[in-house]
Amino acid sequence: MEVSKDVGITIEPPFHTLQPKKKTKFLIKYQFEEPGIFRGQIHIKSEGMVSKNVIDVTATVVDYFVFITTMEGLQVKDINLGTMYFGDKVT
């Protein structure tokens, strides 16, 4: 398999032998540089096949982070829970 352009996509495993009437799973990872919409193609090369198999890939990349706020809506930068030991609960 190969990707239509060098855009940070990796496929694991990159090469695989598949027997007739069998299926397998591939892990496709996308390392983005900036948020936005990605469109590309994965080309599957197969020995003995006349037609080319193409998988269209579309992904939407978003920035995501979590923060804690007070009841008034102000962002909390530090939390001091005091001394805690393994198994302690915060109430």
PDB file of N, CA and C in Angstrom:
ATOM      1  N   MET A   1       0.843  -1.171   0.000  1.00  0.00           N
ATOM      2  CA  MET A   1       0.000   0.000   0.000  1.00  0.00           C
ATOM      3  C   MET A   1       0.887   1.232   0.000  1.00  0.00           C
ATOM      4  N   GLU A   2       0.427   2.249  -0.657  1.00  0.00           N
ATOM      5  CA  GLU A   2       1.139   3.517  -0.619  1.00  0.00           C
ATOM      6  C   GLU A   2       0.132   4.650  -0.582  1.00  0.00           C
ATOM      7  N   VAL A   3       0.554   5.754   0.037  1.00  0.00           N
ATOM      8  CA  VAL A   3      -0.303   6.923   0.186  1.00  0.00           C
ATOM      9  C   VAL A   3      -0.069   7.846  -0.994  1.00  0.00           C
ATOM     10  N   SER A   4      -1.135   8.579  -1.403  1.00  0.00           N
ATOM     11  CA  SER A   4      -1.061   9.414  -2.603  1.00  0.00           C
ATOM     12  C   SER A   4      -0.044  10.540  -2.485  1.00  0.00           C
ATOM     13  N   LYS A   5       0.249  11.011  -1.281  1.00  0.00           N
ATOM     14  CA  LYS A   5       1.253  12.052  -1.089  1.00  0.00           C
ATOM     15  C   LYS A   5       1.833  11.919   0.310  1.00  0.00           C
ATOM     16  N   ASP A   6       3.000  12.499   0.524  1.00  0.00           N
ATOM     17  CA  ASP A   6       3.666  12.404   1.827  1.00  0.00           C
ATOM     18  C   ASP A   6       3.041  13.420   2.781  1.00  0.00           C
ATOM     19  N   VAL A   7       2.108  12.944   3.606  1.00  0.00           N
ATOM     20  CA  VAL A   7       1.361  13.856   4.479  1.00  0.00           C
ATOM     21  C   VAL A   7       1.345  13.395   5.929  1.00  0.00           C
ATOM     22  N   GLY A   8       2.226  12.525   6.312  1.00  0.00           N
ATOM     23  CA  GLY A   8       2.260  12.090   7.700  1.00  0.00           C
ATOM     24  C   GLY A   8       1.410  10.867   7.992  1.00  0.00           C
ATOM     25  N   ILE A   9       1.036  10.124   6.970  1.00  0.00           N
ATOM     26  CA  ILE A   9       0.264   8.902   7.193  1.00  0.00           C
ATOM     27  C   ILE A   9       1.202   7.706   7.213  1.00  0.00           C
ATOM     28  N   THR A  10       1.021   6.853   8.217  1.00  0.00           N
ATOM     29  CA  THR A  10       1.742   5.589   8.265  1.00  0.00           C
ATOM     30  C   THR A  10       0.725   4.453   8.324  1.00  0.00           C
ATOM     31  N   ILE A  11       1.046   3.360   7.670  1.00  0.00           N
ATOM     32  CA  ILE A  11       0.170   2.192   7.626  1.00  0.00           C
ATOM     33  C   ILE A  11       0.942   1.019   8.211  1.00  0.00           C
ATOM     34  N   GLU A  12       0.321   0.336   9.164  1.00  0.00           N
ATOM     35  CA  GLU A  12       0.963  -0.817   9.798  1.00  0.00           C
ATOM     36  C   GLU A  12       0.079  -2.044   9.631  1.00  0.00           C
ATOM     37  N   PRO A  13       0.555  -3.129   9.115  1.00  0.00           N
ATOM     38  CA  PRO A  13       1.850  -3.300   8.465  1.00  0.00           C
ATOM     39  C   PRO A  13       1.817  -2.698   7.060  1.00  0.00           C
ATOM     40  N   PRO A  14       2.949  -2.182   6.580  1.00  0.00           N
ATOM     41  CA  PRO A  14       2.964  -1.553   5.249  1.00  0.00           C
ATOM     42  C   PRO A  14       2.843  -2.573   4.111  1.00  0.00           C
ATOM     43  N   PHE A  15       3.267  -3.813   4.353  1.00  0.00           N
ATOM     44  CA  PHE A  15       3.186  -4.868   3.342  1.00  0.00           C
ATOM     45  C   PHE A  15       2.537  -6.083   3.993  1.00  0.00           C
ATOM     46  N   HIS A  16       1.692  -6.763   3.225  1.00  0.00           N
ATOM     47  CA  HIS A  16       0.989  -7.918   3.788  1.00  0.00           C
ATOM     48  C   HIS A  16       0.565  -8.849   2.660  1.00  0.00           C
ATOM     49  N   THR A  17       0.618 -10.144   2.911  1.00  0.00           N
ATOM     50  CA  THR A  17       0.111 -11.124   1.958  1.00  0.00           C
ATOM     51  C   THR A  17      -1.234 -11.602   2.460  1.00  0.00           C
ATOM     52  N   LEU A  18      -2.228 -11.505   1.607  1.00  0.00           N
ATOM     53  CA  LEU A  18      -3.592 -11.858   1.985  1.00  0.00           C
ATOM     54  C   LEU A  18      -4.076 -12.993   1.090  1.00  0.00           C
ATOM     55  N   GLN A  19      -4.534 -14.049   1.704  1.00  0.00           N
ATOM     56  CA  GLN A  19      -5.038 -15.198   0.966  1.00  0.00           C
ATOM     57  C   GLN A  19      -6.450 -14.898   0.435  1.00  0.00           C
ATOM     58  N   PRO A  20      -6.867 -15.569  -0.650  1.00  0.00           N
ATOM     59  CA  PRO A  20      -8.212 -15.335  -1.198  1.00  0.00           C
ATOM     60  C   PRO A  20      -9.308 -15.586  -0.152  1.00  0.00           C
ATOM     61  N   LYS A  21     -10.329 -14.733  -0.173  1.00  0.00           N
ATOM     62  CA  LYS A  21     -11.499 -14.812   0.705  1.00  0.00           C
ATOM     63  C   LYS A  21     -11.146 -14.656   2.180  1.00  0.00           C
ATOM     64  N   LYS A  22     -10.048 -14.004   2.484  1.00  0.00           N
ATOM     65  CA  LYS A  22      -9.643 -13.724   3.862  1.00  0.00           C
ATOM     66  C   LYS A  22      -9.616 -12.222   4.065  1.00  0.00           C
ATOM     67  N   LYS A  23      -9.695 -11.779   5.304  1.00  0.00           N
ATOM     68  CA  LYS A  23      -9.580 -10.353   5.604  1.00  0.00           C
ATOM     69  C   LYS A  23      -8.528 -10.124   6.667  1.00  0.00           C
ATOM     70  N   THR A  24      -8.101  -8.891   6.736  1.00  0.00           N
ATOM     71  CA  THR A  24      -7.118  -8.502   7.740  1.00  0.00           C
ATOM     72  C   THR A  24      -7.376  -7.051   8.121  1.00  0.00           C
ATOM     73  N   LYS A  25      -6.792  -6.623   9.215  1.00  0.00           N
ATOM     74  CA  LYS A  25      -6.939  -5.243   9.666  1.00  0.00           C
ATOM     75  C   LYS A  25      -5.601  -4.526   9.548  1.00  0.00           C
ATOM     76  N   PHE A  26      -5.678  -3.238   9.229  1.00  0.00           N
ATOM     77  CA  PHE A  26      -4.501  -2.392   9.151  1.00  0.00           C
ATOM     78  C   PHE A  26      -4.700  -1.214  10.083  1.00  0.00           C
ATOM     79  N   LEU A  27      -3.638  -0.752  10.672  1.00  0.00           N
ATOM     80  CA  LEU A  27      -3.679   0.437  11.508  1.00  0.00           C
ATOM     81  C   LEU A  27      -3.160   1.612  10.683  1.00  0.00           C
ATOM     82  N   ILE A  28      -3.986   2.641  10.538  1.00  0.00           N
ATOM     83  CA  ILE A  28      -3.596   3.824   9.782  1.00  0.00           C
ATOM     84  C   ILE A  28      -3.473   4.982  10.762  1.00  0.00           C
ATOM     85  N   LYS A  29      -2.279   5.572  10.837  1.00  0.00           N
ATOM     86  CA  LYS A  29      -2.026   6.695  11.738  1.00  0.00           C
ATOM     87  C   LYS A  29      -1.787   7.952  10.924  1.00  0.00           C
ATOM     88  N   TYR A  30      -2.309   9.061  11.416  1.00  0.00           N
ATOM     89  CA  TYR A  30      -2.136  10.340  10.737  1.00  0.00           C
ATOM     90  C   TYR A  30      -1.540  11.329  11.718  1.00  0.00           C
ATOM     91  N   GLN A  31      -0.331  11.786  11.454  1.00  0.00           N
ATOM     92  CA  GLN A  31       0.338  12.787  12.286  1.00  0.00           C
ATOM     93  C   GLN A  31       0.162  14.134  11.612  1.00  0.00           C
ATOM     94  N   PHE A  32      -0.699  14.970  12.184  1.00  0.00           N
ATOM     95  CA  PHE A  32      -1.025  16.235  11.548  1.00  0.00           C
ATOM     96  C   PHE A  32      -0.083  17.348  12.003  1.00  0.00           C
ATOM     97  N   GLU A  33       0.040  18.360  11.168  1.00  0.00           N
ATOM     98  CA  GLU A  33       0.846  19.524  11.499  1.00  0.00           C
ATOM     99  C   GLU A  33      -0.027  20.692  11.916  1.00  0.00           C
ATOM    100  N   GLU A  34      -1.241  20.758  11.391  1.00  0.00           N
ATOM    101  CA  GLU A  34      -2.153  21.828  11.753  1.00  0.00           C
ATOM    102  C   GLU A  34      -3.582  21.342  11.608  1.00  0.00           C
ATOM    103  N   PRO A  35      -4.513  21.919  12.369  1.00  0.00           N
ATOM    104  CA  PRO A  35      -5.914  21.500  12.264  1.00  0.00           C
ATOM    105  C   PRO A  35      -6.475  21.796  10.879  1.00  0.00           C
ATOM    106  N   GLY A  36      -7.460  21.017  10.480  1.00  0.00           N
ATOM    107  CA  GLY A  36      -8.098  21.227   9.182  1.00  0.00           C
ATOM    108  C   GLY A  36      -8.613  19.919   8.620  1.00  0.00           C
ATOM    109  N   ILE A  37      -8.947  19.947   7.358  1.00  0.00           N
ATOM    110  CA  ILE A  37      -9.488  18.770   6.685  1.00  0.00           C
ATOM    111  C   ILE A  37      -8.390  18.138   5.835  1.00  0.00           C
ATOM    112  N   PHE A  38      -8.237  16.836   5.972  1.00  0.00           N
ATOM    113  CA  PHE A  38      -7.270  16.089   5.179  1.00  0.00           C
ATOM    114  C   PHE A  38      -8.036  15.233   4.175  1.00  0.00           C
ATOM    115  N   ARG A  39      -7.586  15.246   2.940  1.00  0.00           N
ATOM    116  CA  ARG A  39      -8.119  14.356   1.912  1.00  0.00           C
ATOM    117  C   ARG A  39      -6.943  13.726   1.180  1.00  0.00           C
ATOM    118  N   GLY A  40      -7.017  12.425   0.993  1.00  0.00           N
ATOM    119  CA  GLY A  40      -5.954  11.722   0.288  1.00  0.00           C
ATOM    120  C   GLY A  40      -6.434  10.360  -0.168  1.00  0.00           C
ATOM    121  N   GLN A  41      -5.540   9.594  -0.738  1.00  0.00           N
ATOM    122  CA  GLN A  41      -5.884   8.261  -1.219  1.00  0.00           C
ATOM    123  C   GLN A  41      -4.806   7.277  -0.821  1.00  0.00           C
ATOM    124  N   ILE A  42      -5.234   6.060  -0.551  1.00  0.00           N
ATOM    125  CA  ILE A  42      -4.316   4.953  -0.316  1.00  0.00           C
ATOM    126  C   ILE A  42      -4.473   4.017  -1.510  1.00  0.00           C
ATOM    127  N   HIS A  43      -3.367   3.743  -2.176  1.00  0.00           N
ATOM    128  CA  HIS A  43      -3.381   2.873  -3.350  1.00  0.00           C
ATOM    129  C   HIS A  43      -2.943   1.471  -2.925  1.00  0.00           C
ATOM    130  N   ILE A  44      -3.734   0.481  -3.278  1.00  0.00           N
ATOM    131  CA  ILE A  44      -3.423  -0.900  -2.947  1.00  0.00           C
ATOM    132  C   ILE A  44      -2.894  -1.573  -4.203  1.00  0.00           C
ATOM    133  N   LYS A  45      -1.664  -2.059  -4.105  1.00  0.00           N
ATOM    134  CA  LYS A  45      -1.057  -2.760  -5.232  1.00  0.00           C
ATOM    135  C   LYS A  45      -1.209  -4.258  -4.992  1.00  0.00           C
ATOM    136  N   SER A  46      -1.645  -4.957  -6.034  1.00  0.00           N
ATOM    137  CA  SER A  46      -1.871  -6.385  -5.902  1.00  0.00           C
ATOM    138  C   SER A  46      -1.332  -7.094  -7.134  1.00  0.00           C
ATOM    139  N   GLU A  47      -0.617  -8.164  -6.884  1.00  0.00           N
ATOM    140  CA  GLU A  47      -0.100  -8.949  -8.001  1.00  0.00           C
ATOM    141  C   GLU A  47      -1.248  -9.706  -8.663  1.00  0.00           C
ATOM    142  N   GLY A  48      -1.280  -9.711  -9.974  1.00  0.00           N
ATOM    143  CA  GLY A  48      -2.270 -10.472 -10.700  1.00  0.00           C
ATOM    144  C   GLY A  48      -3.606  -9.764 -10.888  1.00  0.00           C
ATOM    145  N   MET A  49      -3.771  -8.582 -10.341  1.00  0.00           N
ATOM    146  CA  MET A  49      -5.025  -7.847 -10.522  1.00  0.00           C
ATOM    147  C   MET A  49      -4.827  -6.783 -11.582  1.00  0.00           C
ATOM    148  N   VAL A  50      -5.788  -6.664 -12.475  1.00  0.00           N
ATOM    149  CA  VAL A  50      -5.708  -5.692 -13.559  1.00  0.00           C
ATOM    150  C   VAL A  50      -6.098  -4.304 -13.060  1.00  0.00           C
ATOM    151  N   SER A  51      -7.158  -4.221 -12.255  1.00  0.00           N
ATOM    152  CA  SER A  51      -7.627  -2.914 -11.784  1.00  0.00           C
ATOM    153  C   SER A  51      -6.855  -2.495 -10.539  1.00  0.00           C
ATOM    154  N   LYS A  52      -6.764  -1.171 -10.355  1.00  0.00           N
ATOM    155  CA  LYS A  52      -6.111  -0.616  -9.178  1.00  0.00           C
ATOM    156  C   LYS A  52      -7.168  -0.367  -8.114  1.00  0.00           C
ATOM    157  N   ASN A  53      -6.887  -0.768  -6.910  1.00  0.00           N
ATOM    158  CA  ASN A  53      -7.797  -0.509  -5.809  1.00  0.00           C
ATOM    159  C   ASN A  53      -7.348   0.749  -5.080  1.00  0.00           C
ATOM    160  N   VAL A  54      -8.280   1.664  -4.880  1.00  0.00           N
ATOM    161  CA  VAL A  54      -7.982   2.934  -4.225  1.00  0.00           C
ATOM    162  C   VAL A  54      -8.963   3.134  -3.078  1.00  0.00           C
ATOM    163  N   ILE A  55      -8.445   3.539  -1.924  1.00  0.00           N
ATOM    164  CA  ILE A  55      -9.284   3.872  -0.775  1.00  0.00           C
ATOM    165  C   ILE A  55      -9.171   5.374  -0.560  1.00  0.00           C
ATOM    166  N   ASP A  56     -10.299   6.067  -0.629  1.00  0.00           N
ATOM    167  CA  ASP A  56     -10.314   7.496  -0.348  1.00  0.00           C
ATOM    168  C   ASP A  56     -10.316   7.697   1.168  1.00  0.00           C
ATOM    169  N   VAL A  57      -9.457   8.598   1.645  1.00  0.00           N
ATOM    170  CA  VAL A  57      -9.342   8.880   3.075  1.00  0.00           C
ATOM    171  C   VAL A  57      -9.668  10.343   3.310  1.00  0.00           C
ATOM    172  N   THR A  58     -10.590  10.588   4.240  1.00  0.00           N
ATOM    173  CA  THR A  58     -10.938  11.948   4.640  1.00  0.00           C
ATOM    174  C   THR A  58     -10.914  12.008   6.156  1.00  0.00           C
ATOM    175  N   ALA A  59     -10.263  13.030   6.714  1.00  0.00           N
ATOM    176  CA  ALA A  59     -10.194  13.194   8.167  1.00  0.00           C
ATOM    177  C   ALA A  59     -10.310  14.666   8.514  1.00  0.00           C
ATOM    178  N   THR A  60     -10.953  14.945   9.633  1.00  0.00           N
ATOM    179  CA  THR A  60     -11.021  16.299  10.153  1.00  0.00           C
ATOM    180  C   THR A  60     -10.191  16.346  11.426  1.00  0.00           C
ATOM    181  N   VAL A  61      -9.194  17.203  11.449  1.00  0.00           N
ATOM    182  CA  VAL A  61      -8.289  17.316  12.587  1.00  0.00           C
ATOM    183  C   VAL A  61      -8.670  18.546  13.396  1.00  0.00           C
ATOM    184  N   VAL A  62      -8.838  18.345  14.708  1.00  0.00           N
ATOM    185  CA  VAL A  62      -9.195  19.451  15.596  1.00  0.00           C
ATOM    186  C   VAL A  62      -8.215  19.507  16.758  1.00  0.00           C
ATOM    187  N   ASP A  63      -7.967  20.707  17.260  1.00  0.00           N
ATOM    188  CA  ASP A  63      -7.198  20.868  18.494  1.00  0.00           C
ATOM    189  C   ASP A  63      -8.123  20.574  19.663  1.00  0.00           C
ATOM    190  N   TYR A  64      -7.602  19.901  20.667  1.00  0.00           N
ATOM    191  CA  TYR A  64      -8.435  19.532  21.801  1.00  0.00           C
ATOM    192  C   TYR A  64      -7.602  19.609  23.068  1.00  0.00           C
ATOM    193  N   PHE A  65      -8.111  20.311  24.064  1.00  0.00           N
ATOM    194  CA  PHE A  65      -7.487  20.268  25.372  1.00  0.00           C
ATOM    195  C   PHE A  65      -8.555  20.513  26.421  1.00  0.00           C
ATOM    196  N   VAL A  66      -8.270  20.081  27.638  1.00  0.00           N
ATOM    197  CA  VAL A  66      -9.218  20.174  28.733  1.00  0.00           C
ATOM    198  C   VAL A  66      -8.644  21.103  29.783  1.00  0.00           C
ATOM    199  N   PHE A  67      -9.497  21.921  30.377  1.00  0.00           N
ATOM    200  CA  PHE A  67      -9.051  22.756  31.485  1.00  0.00           C
ATOM    201  C   PHE A  67     -10.139  22.781  32.544  1.00  0.00           C
ATOM    202  N   ILE A  68      -9.742  23.121  33.763  1.00  0.00           N
ATOM    203  CA  ILE A  68     -10.654  23.155  34.910  1.00  0.00           C
ATOM    204  C   ILE A  68     -11.026  24.601  35.180  1.00  0.00           C
ATOM    205  N   THR A  69     -12.312  24.832  35.485  1.00  0.00           N
ATOM    206  CA  THR A  69     -12.778  26.181  35.794  1.00  0.00           C
ATOM    207  C   THR A  69     -13.430  26.203  37.177  1.00  0.00           C
ATOM    208  N   THR A  70     -13.476  27.386  37.754  1.00  0.00           N
ATOM    209  CA  THR A  70     -14.192  27.578  39.008  1.00  0.00           C
ATOM    210  C   THR A  70     -15.679  27.711  38.700  1.00  0.00           C
ATOM    211  N   MET A  71     -16.485  27.810  39.757  1.00  0.00           N
ATOM    212  CA  MET A  71     -17.940  27.988  39.572  1.00  0.00           C
ATOM    213  C   MET A  71     -18.235  29.315  38.865  1.00  0.00           C
ATOM    214  N   GLU A  72     -17.311  30.265  38.965  1.00  0.00           N
ATOM    215  CA  GLU A  72     -17.495  31.560  38.310  1.00  0.00           C
ATOM    216  C   GLU A  72     -17.033  31.549  36.859  1.00  0.00           C
ATOM    217  N   GLY A  73     -16.448  30.448  36.419  1.00  0.00           N
ATOM    218  CA  GLY A  73     -16.009  30.344  35.031  1.00  0.00           C
ATOM    219  C   GLY A  73     -14.558  30.740  34.812  1.00  0.00           C
ATOM    220  N   LEU A  74     -13.800  30.987  35.878  1.00  0.00           N
ATOM    221  CA  LEU A  74     -12.386  31.337  35.745  1.00  0.00           C
ATOM    222  C   LEU A  74     -11.549  30.061  35.634  1.00  0.00           C
ATOM    223  N   GLN A  75     -10.522  30.107  34.816  1.00  0.00           N
ATOM    224  CA  GLN A  75      -9.662  28.942  34.620  1.00  0.00           C
ATOM    225  C   GLN A  75      -8.739  28.759  35.814  1.00  0.00           C
ATOM    226  N   VAL A  76      -8.646  27.517  36.293  1.00  0.00           N
ATOM    227  CA  VAL A  76      -7.757  27.172  37.406  1.00  0.00           C
ATOM    228  C   VAL A  76      -6.427  26.727  36.817  1.00  0.00           C
ATOM    229  N   LYS A  77      -5.331  27.355  37.281  1.00  0.00           N
ATOM    230  CA  LYS A  77      -4.012  27.007  36.750  1.00  0.00           C
ATOM    231  C   LYS A  77      -3.297  25.978  37.616  1.00  0.00           C
ATOM    232  N   ASP A  78      -3.501  26.012  38.931  1.00  0.00           N
ATOM    233  CA  ASP A  78      -2.837  25.083  39.854  1.00  0.00           C
ATOM    234  C   ASP A  78      -3.865  24.498  40.809  1.00  0.00           C
ATOM    235  N   ILE A  79      -3.657  23.235  41.162  1.00  0.00           N
ATOM    236  CA  ILE A  79      -4.495  22.575  42.167  1.00  0.00           C
ATOM    237  C   ILE A  79      -3.568  21.994  43.222  1.00  0.00           C
ATOM    238  N   ASN A  80      -3.770  22.369  44.478  1.00  0.00           N
ATOM    239  CA  ASN A  80      -2.976  21.842  45.579  1.00  0.00           C
ATOM    240  C   ASN A  80      -3.867  20.913  46.383  1.00  0.00           C
ATOM    241  N   LEU A  81      -3.596  19.623  46.312  1.00  0.00           N
ATOM    242  CA  LEU A  81      -4.387  18.643  47.044  1.00  0.00           C
ATOM    243  C   LEU A  81      -3.737  18.271  48.372  1.00  0.00           C
ATOM    244  N   GLY A  82      -2.661  18.940  48.723  1.00  0.00           N
ATOM    245  CA  GLY A  82      -1.971  18.621  49.977  1.00  0.00           C
ATOM    246  C   GLY A  82      -1.239  17.303  49.858  1.00  0.00           C
ATOM    247  N   THR A  83      -0.898  16.713  51.006  1.00  0.00           N
ATOM    248  CA  THR A  83      -0.206  15.434  51.026  1.00  0.00           C
ATOM    249  C   THR A  83      -1.210  14.319  50.788  1.00  0.00           C
ATOM    250  N   MET A  84      -0.909  13.469  49.831  1.00  0.00           N
ATOM    251  CA  MET A  84      -1.784  12.335  49.543  1.00  0.00           C
ATOM    252  C   MET A  84      -0.954  11.066  49.521  1.00  0.00           C
ATOM    253  N   TYR A  85      -1.570   9.980  49.945  1.00  0.00           N
ATOM    254  CA  TYR A  85      -0.918   8.678  49.944  1.00  0.00           C
ATOM    255  C   TYR A  85      -1.707   7.736  49.069  1.00  0.00           C
ATOM    256  N   PHE A  86      -1.038   6.679  48.602  1.00  0.00           N
ATOM    257  CA  PHE A  86      -1.675   5.696  47.739  1.00  0.00           C
ATOM    258  C   PHE A  86      -2.967   5.192  48.380  1.00  0.00           C
ATOM    259  N   GLY A  87      -4.069   5.253  47.650  1.00  0.00           N
ATOM    260  CA  GLY A  87      -5.348   4.780  48.155  1.00  0.00           C
ATOM    261  C   GLY A  87      -6.203   5.871  48.776  1.00  0.00           C
ATOM    262  N   ASP A  88      -5.634   7.063  49.021  1.00  0.00           N
ATOM    263  CA  ASP A  88      -6.419   8.171  49.581  1.00  0.00           C
ATOM    264  C   ASP A  88      -7.451   8.636  48.573  1.00  0.00           C
ATOM    265  N   LYS A  89      -8.566   9.169  49.089  1.00  0.00           N
ATOM    266  CA  LYS A  89      -9.608   9.741  48.224  1.00  0.00           C
ATOM    267  C   LYS A  89      -9.692  11.223  48.443  1.00  0.00           C
ATOM    268  N   VAL A  90      -9.985  11.934  47.385  1.00  0.00           N
ATOM    269  CA  VAL A  90     -10.197  13.387  47.479  1.00  0.00           C
ATOM    270  C   VAL A  90     -11.697  13.591  47.613  1.00  0.00           C
ATOM    271  N   THR A  91     -12.094  14.325  48.652  1.00  0.00           N
ATOM    272  CA  THR A  91     -13.533  14.585  48.849  1.00  0.00           C
ATOM    273  C   THR A  91     -13.813  16.060  48.758  1.00  0.00           C
TER     274      THR A  91
END
